[in-house]
Amino acid sequence: MARAATTSDVFNAIAEPQRREILLLLRAGERPVTELAQELGMTQPGASKHLRVLREVGLVRDRRAGKQRLYGLDARGLRPVHEWTGGFERFWNESFDRLDEYVQDLKQAKQEE
């Protein structure tokens, strides 16, 4: 089933590269929108729009600090992504195990030459 073209869930919100960049910047701590906009080379209204989307899906929190509003990462919002990608863990573990066996077989064959 196709996903709706909306930013109302985490998957669609993080599909936008600039939003992922914002999340990476916020890993280091809270920042005002002006600093984020400058760091990303975008306008303050553009950064505010991205922050609003990230806040609506639970990836970003904000708080007042004097005249500024500081934005911070709320990684708990990534839980749906973590749970979804976790379903592929067994696949990747098995793939890496097979690759490791193949490499070991190659090493053994080379030693036997």
N, C-alpha and C. Protein backbone atom coordinates (compact mmCIF):
# COMPACT_ATOMS: atom_id res chain seq x y z
N MET A 1 0.84 -1.18 0.00
CA MET A 1 0.00 0.00 0.00
C MET A 1 0.89 1.25 0.00
N ALA A 2 0.59 2.19 -0.86
CA ALA A 2 1.40 3.39 -0.98
C ALA A 2 1.23 4.29 0.24
N ARG A 3 2.30 4.95 0.60
CA ARG A 3 2.26 5.89 1.72
C ARG A 3 1.67 7.21 1.24
N ALA A 4 0.89 7.83 2.08
CA ALA A 4 0.31 9.12 1.75
C ALA A 4 1.41 10.18 1.68
N ALA A 5 1.24 11.11 0.79
CA ALA A 5 2.21 12.21 0.66
C ALA A 5 1.92 13.25 1.73
N THR A 6 2.39 12.99 2.91
CA THR A 6 2.15 13.88 4.04
C THR A 6 3.38 13.91 4.92
N THR A 7 3.47 14.93 5.74
CA THR A 7 4.57 15.00 6.69
C THR A 7 4.09 14.64 8.08
N SER A 8 2.93 14.01 8.17
CA SER A 8 2.33 13.74 9.48
C SER A 8 2.92 12.53 10.18
N ASP A 9 3.88 11.85 9.58
CA ASP A 9 4.54 10.77 10.30
C ASP A 9 6.06 10.91 10.17
N VAL A 10 6.73 10.23 11.04
CA VAL A 10 8.19 10.33 11.13
C VAL A 10 8.87 9.97 9.81
N PHE A 11 8.41 8.93 9.15
CA PHE A 11 9.06 8.49 7.91
C PHE A 11 9.05 9.59 6.85
N ASN A 12 7.90 10.21 6.67
CA ASN A 12 7.82 11.29 5.68
C ASN A 12 8.57 12.52 6.15
N ALA A 13 8.55 12.79 7.43
CA ALA A 13 9.27 13.97 7.94
C ALA A 13 10.77 13.84 7.71
N ILE A 14 11.33 12.67 7.92
CA ILE A 14 12.78 12.51 7.75
C ILE A 14 13.17 12.20 6.31
N ALA A 15 12.18 12.10 5.43
CA ALA A 15 12.50 11.90 4.01
C ALA A 15 13.16 13.14 3.42
N GLU A 16 12.93 14.28 4.02
CA GLU A 16 13.50 15.55 3.57
C GLU A 16 14.94 15.68 4.08
N PRO A 17 15.93 15.77 3.18
CA PRO A 17 17.33 15.83 3.61
C PRO A 17 17.65 16.96 4.58
N GLN A 18 17.06 18.13 4.39
CA GLN A 18 17.37 19.24 5.30
C GLN A 18 16.86 18.97 6.70
N ARG A 19 15.77 18.24 6.83
CA ARG A 19 15.28 17.89 8.16
C ARG A 19 16.23 16.91 8.84
N ARG A 20 16.77 15.99 8.07
CA ARG A 20 17.76 15.07 8.65
C ARG A 20 18.99 15.84 9.10
N GLU A 21 19.40 16.85 8.33
CA GLU A 21 20.53 17.68 8.73
C GLU A 21 20.24 18.42 10.03
N ILE A 22 19.02 18.92 10.18
CA ILE A 22 18.63 19.59 11.42
C ILE A 22 18.76 18.62 12.59
N LEU A 23 18.28 17.40 12.41
CA LEU A 23 18.37 16.41 13.49
C LEU A 23 19.82 16.13 13.85
N LEU A 24 20.68 16.04 12.85
CA LEU A 24 22.11 15.82 13.12
C LEU A 24 22.70 16.97 13.92
N LEU A 25 22.34 18.19 13.57
CA LEU A 25 22.85 19.35 14.31
C LEU A 25 22.33 19.37 15.74
N LEU A 26 21.09 18.96 15.93
CA LEU A 26 20.50 19.00 17.27
C LEU A 26 21.02 17.90 18.18
N ARG A 27 21.71 16.92 17.62
CA ARG A 27 22.31 15.88 18.48
C ARG A 27 23.30 16.50 19.46
N ALA A 28 23.93 17.59 19.06
CA ALA A 28 24.93 18.24 19.91
C ALA A 28 24.30 19.10 21.00
N GLY A 29 23.01 19.33 20.92
CA GLY A 29 22.34 20.13 21.94
C GLY A 29 21.36 21.13 21.35
N GLU A 30 20.70 21.83 22.23
CA GLU A 30 19.68 22.79 21.82
C GLU A 30 20.30 23.95 21.04
N ARG A 31 19.52 24.46 20.08
CA ARG A 31 19.98 25.59 19.28
C ARG A 31 18.79 26.46 18.89
N PRO A 32 19.01 27.76 18.73
CA PRO A 32 17.94 28.63 18.24
C PRO A 32 17.79 28.48 16.72
N VAL A 33 16.62 28.81 16.22
CA VAL A 33 16.34 28.65 14.80
C VAL A 33 17.30 29.47 13.94
N THR A 34 17.70 30.65 14.41
CA THR A 34 18.61 31.48 13.62
C THR A 34 19.95 30.79 13.40
N GLU A 35 20.43 30.12 14.42
CA GLU A 35 21.71 29.40 14.31
C GLU A 35 21.57 28.21 13.36
N LEU A 36 20.47 27.48 13.46
CA LEU A 36 20.24 26.35 12.56
C LEU A 36 20.14 26.83 11.12
N ALA A 37 19.39 27.90 10.90
CA ALA A 37 19.23 28.43 9.54
C ALA A 37 20.57 28.84 8.96
N GLN A 38 21.38 29.52 9.75
CA GLN A 38 22.69 29.96 9.28
C GLN A 38 23.58 28.76 8.95
N GLU A 39 23.59 27.78 9.84
CA GLU A 39 24.42 26.59 9.64
C GLU A 39 24.03 25.84 8.36
N LEU A 40 22.74 25.82 8.06
CA LEU A 40 22.24 25.08 6.90
C LEU A 40 22.14 25.93 5.64
N GLY A 41 22.44 27.22 5.75
CA GLY A 41 22.37 28.09 4.58
C GLY A 41 20.95 28.29 4.06
N MET A 42 20.01 28.41 4.97
CA MET A 42 18.62 28.62 4.58
C MET A 42 18.05 29.82 5.32
N THR A 43 16.89 30.24 4.91
CA THR A 43 16.25 31.37 5.59
C THR A 43 15.69 30.92 6.93
N GLN A 44 15.49 31.88 7.81
CA GLN A 44 14.90 31.57 9.12
C GLN A 44 13.48 31.02 8.96
N PRO A 45 12.63 31.60 8.07
CA PRO A 45 11.30 31.01 7.88
C PRO A 45 11.35 29.58 7.35
N GLY A 46 12.32 29.30 6.47
CA GLY A 46 12.47 27.94 5.95
C GLY A 46 12.85 26.96 7.05
N ALA A 47 13.79 27.36 7.88
CA ALA A 47 14.20 26.50 9.00
C ALA A 47 13.04 26.32 9.98
N SER A 48 12.29 27.39 10.22
CA SER A 48 11.14 27.30 11.13
C SER A 48 10.11 26.32 10.62
N LYS A 49 9.89 26.32 9.32
CA LYS A 49 8.92 25.38 8.72
C LYS A 49 9.37 23.94 8.96
N HIS A 50 10.65 23.67 8.71
CA HIS A 50 11.16 22.32 8.93
C HIS A 50 11.06 21.93 10.40
N LEU A 51 11.39 22.85 11.29
CA LEU A 51 11.31 22.57 12.73
C LEU A 51 9.87 22.30 13.16
N ARG A 52 8.92 23.01 12.57
CA ARG A 52 7.51 22.77 12.91
C ARG A 52 7.11 21.34 12.54
N VAL A 53 7.51 20.90 11.35
CA VAL A 53 7.19 19.53 10.92
C VAL A 53 7.83 18.53 11.87
N LEU A 54 9.10 18.74 12.20
CA LEU A 54 9.80 17.82 13.10
C LEU A 54 9.18 17.81 14.50
N ARG A 55 8.72 18.96 14.95
CA ARG A 55 8.06 19.04 16.25
C ARG A 55 6.72 18.31 16.22
N GLU A 56 5.96 18.47 15.14
CA GLU A 56 4.65 17.84 15.04
C GLU A 56 4.72 16.32 15.06
N VAL A 57 5.81 15.75 14.57
CA VAL A 57 5.94 14.29 14.58
C VAL A 57 6.71 13.78 15.79
N GLY A 58 7.08 14.69 16.69
CA GLY A 58 7.71 14.28 17.94
C GLY A 58 9.20 14.09 17.91
N LEU A 59 9.88 14.64 16.90
CA LEU A 59 11.33 14.50 16.81
C LEU A 59 12.08 15.67 17.43
N VAL A 60 11.40 16.78 17.59
CA VAL A 60 12.01 17.99 18.11
C VAL A 60 11.11 18.57 19.19
N ARG A 61 11.74 19.08 20.23
CA ARG A 61 11.00 19.79 21.29
C ARG A 61 11.54 21.21 21.31
N ASP A 62 10.76 22.10 21.87
CA ASP A 62 11.23 23.47 21.96
C ASP A 62 10.88 24.05 23.32
N ARG A 63 11.64 25.09 23.70
CA ARG A 63 11.38 25.77 24.97
C ARG A 63 11.84 27.21 24.84
N ARG A 64 11.19 28.04 25.61
CA ARG A 64 11.56 29.45 25.65
C ARG A 64 12.79 29.64 26.54
N ALA A 65 13.70 30.48 26.09
CA ALA A 65 14.88 30.85 26.87
C ALA A 65 15.08 32.35 26.65
N GLY A 66 14.48 33.14 27.50
CA GLY A 66 14.53 34.59 27.31
C GLY A 66 13.73 34.97 26.08
N LYS A 67 14.37 35.68 25.17
CA LYS A 67 13.70 36.11 23.94
C LYS A 67 13.77 35.06 22.84
N GLN A 68 14.51 34.02 23.07
CA GLN A 68 14.70 32.98 22.05
C GLN A 68 13.85 31.75 22.34
N ARG A 69 13.66 30.99 21.29
CA ARG A 69 13.08 29.66 21.43
C ARG A 69 14.19 28.70 21.03
N LEU A 70 14.51 27.78 21.93
CA LEU A 70 15.55 26.79 21.66
C LEU A 70 14.91 25.48 21.23
N TYR A 71 15.52 24.86 20.24
CA TYR A 71 15.03 23.58 19.72
C TYR A 71 16.03 22.49 20.07
N GLY A 72 15.49 21.34 20.46
CA GLY A 72 16.34 20.22 20.82
C GLY A 72 15.79 18.92 20.25
N LEU A 73 16.64 17.95 20.14
CA LEU A 73 16.28 16.64 19.62
C LEU A 73 15.49 15.86 20.66
N ASP A 74 14.44 15.21 20.22
CA ASP A 74 13.71 14.26 21.06
C ASP A 74 13.76 12.92 20.33
N ALA A 75 14.83 12.17 20.56
CA ALA A 75 15.08 10.93 19.82
C ALA A 75 14.02 9.87 20.05
N ARG A 76 13.21 10.02 21.08
CA ARG A 76 12.13 9.04 21.30
C ARG A 76 11.20 9.00 20.10
N GLY A 77 11.11 10.10 19.38
CA GLY A 77 10.27 10.15 18.19
C GLY A 77 10.74 9.24 17.07
N LEU A 78 11.99 8.79 17.16
CA LEU A 78 12.53 7.88 16.14
C LEU A 78 12.16 6.43 16.39
N ARG A 79 11.45 6.17 17.47
CA ARG A 79 11.08 4.80 17.81
C ARG A 79 10.41 4.05 16.65
N PRO A 80 9.43 4.65 15.94
CA PRO A 80 8.82 3.91 14.83
C PRO A 80 9.83 3.52 13.75
N VAL A 81 10.80 4.38 13.49
CA VAL A 81 11.83 4.07 12.50
C VAL A 81 12.70 2.93 13.00
N HIS A 82 13.09 3.01 14.26
CA HIS A 82 13.92 1.96 14.86
C HIS A 82 13.19 0.61 14.83
N GLU A 83 11.93 0.62 15.19
CA GLU A 83 11.16 -0.63 15.20
C GLU A 83 11.03 -1.19 13.79
N TRP A 84 10.78 -0.33 12.82
CA TRP A 84 10.62 -0.80 11.45
C TRP A 84 11.92 -1.35 10.89
N THR A 85 13.03 -0.61 11.09
CA THR A 85 14.30 -1.09 10.57
C THR A 85 14.80 -2.31 11.33
N GLY A 86 14.40 -2.44 12.59
CA GLY A 86 14.79 -3.60 13.38
C GLY A 86 14.29 -4.90 12.77
N GLY A 87 13.22 -4.82 12.01
CA GLY A 87 12.69 -6.00 11.34
C GLY A 87 13.64 -6.56 10.30
N PHE A 88 14.60 -5.77 9.88
CA PHE A 88 15.57 -6.21 8.88
C PHE A 88 16.87 -6.70 9.50
N GLU A 89 16.96 -6.64 10.82
CA GLU A 89 18.19 -7.01 11.51
C GLU A 89 18.59 -8.45 11.21
N ARG A 90 17.63 -9.36 11.27
CA ARG A 90 17.94 -10.77 11.02
C ARG A 90 18.47 -10.96 9.61
N PHE A 91 17.85 -10.30 8.64
CA PHE A 91 18.31 -10.38 7.26
C PHE A 91 19.77 -9.96 7.14
N TRP A 92 20.12 -8.81 7.72
CA TRP A 92 21.49 -8.31 7.61
C TRP A 92 22.46 -9.17 8.38
N ASN A 93 22.08 -9.64 9.55
CA ASN A 93 22.98 -10.51 10.31
C ASN A 93 23.28 -11.78 9.54
N GLU A 94 22.25 -12.38 8.95
CA GLU A 94 22.47 -13.59 8.16
C GLU A 94 23.34 -13.31 6.94
N SER A 95 23.12 -12.17 6.30
CA SER A 95 23.93 -11.80 5.13
C SER A 95 25.39 -11.62 5.51
N PHE A 96 25.64 -10.94 6.62
CA PHE A 96 27.02 -10.74 7.07
C PHE A 96 27.66 -12.05 7.51
N ASP A 97 26.88 -12.94 8.11
CA ASP A 97 27.40 -14.25 8.49
C ASP A 97 27.83 -15.03 7.25
N ARG A 98 27.00 -15.00 6.19
CA ARG A 98 27.35 -15.70 4.95
C ARG A 98 28.60 -15.09 4.32
N LEU A 99 28.69 -13.77 4.36
CA LEU A 99 29.86 -13.10 3.81
C LEU A 99 31.11 -13.49 4.60
N ASP A 100 31.00 -13.54 5.91
CA ASP A 100 32.13 -13.94 6.75
C ASP A 100 32.57 -15.36 6.43
N GLU A 101 31.60 -16.27 6.26
CA GLU A 101 31.93 -17.65 5.90
C GLU A 101 32.65 -17.71 4.56
N TYR A 102 32.18 -16.92 3.60
CA TYR A 102 32.79 -16.88 2.28
C TYR A 102 34.24 -16.39 2.36
N VAL A 103 34.47 -15.33 3.12
CA VAL A 103 35.82 -14.79 3.28
C VAL A 103 36.73 -15.83 3.95
N GLN A 104 36.22 -16.51 4.96
CA GLN A 104 37.01 -17.54 5.64
C GLN A 104 37.35 -18.68 4.68
N ASP A 105 36.39 -19.06 3.83
CA ASP A 105 36.64 -20.11 2.84
C ASP A 105 37.72 -19.67 1.85
N LEU A 106 37.68 -18.42 1.44
CA LEU A 106 38.70 -17.91 0.52
C LEU A 106 40.08 -17.93 1.17
N LYS A 107 40.15 -17.51 2.42
CA LYS A 107 41.43 -17.52 3.14
C LYS A 107 41.98 -18.93 3.26
N GLN A 108 41.10 -19.86 3.59
CA GLN A 108 41.53 -21.25 3.74
C GLN A 108 42.00 -21.81 2.41
N ALA A 109 41.28 -21.52 1.33
CA ALA A 109 41.67 -22.01 0.01
C ALA A 109 43.02 -21.44 -0.40
N LYS A 110 43.26 -20.18 -0.08
CA LYS A 110 44.54 -19.55 -0.42
C LYS A 110 45.69 -20.19 0.36
N GLN A 111 45.44 -20.54 1.62
CA GLN A 111 46.47 -21.17 2.44
C GLN A 111 46.79 -22.58 1.94
N GLU A 112 45.81 -23.24 1.37
CA GLU A 112 46.00 -24.61 0.89
C GLU A 112 46.70 -24.66 -0.46
N GLU A 113 46.83 -23.53 -1.12
CA GLU A 113 47.49 -23.51 -2.44
C GLU A 113 48.97 -23.72 -2.34
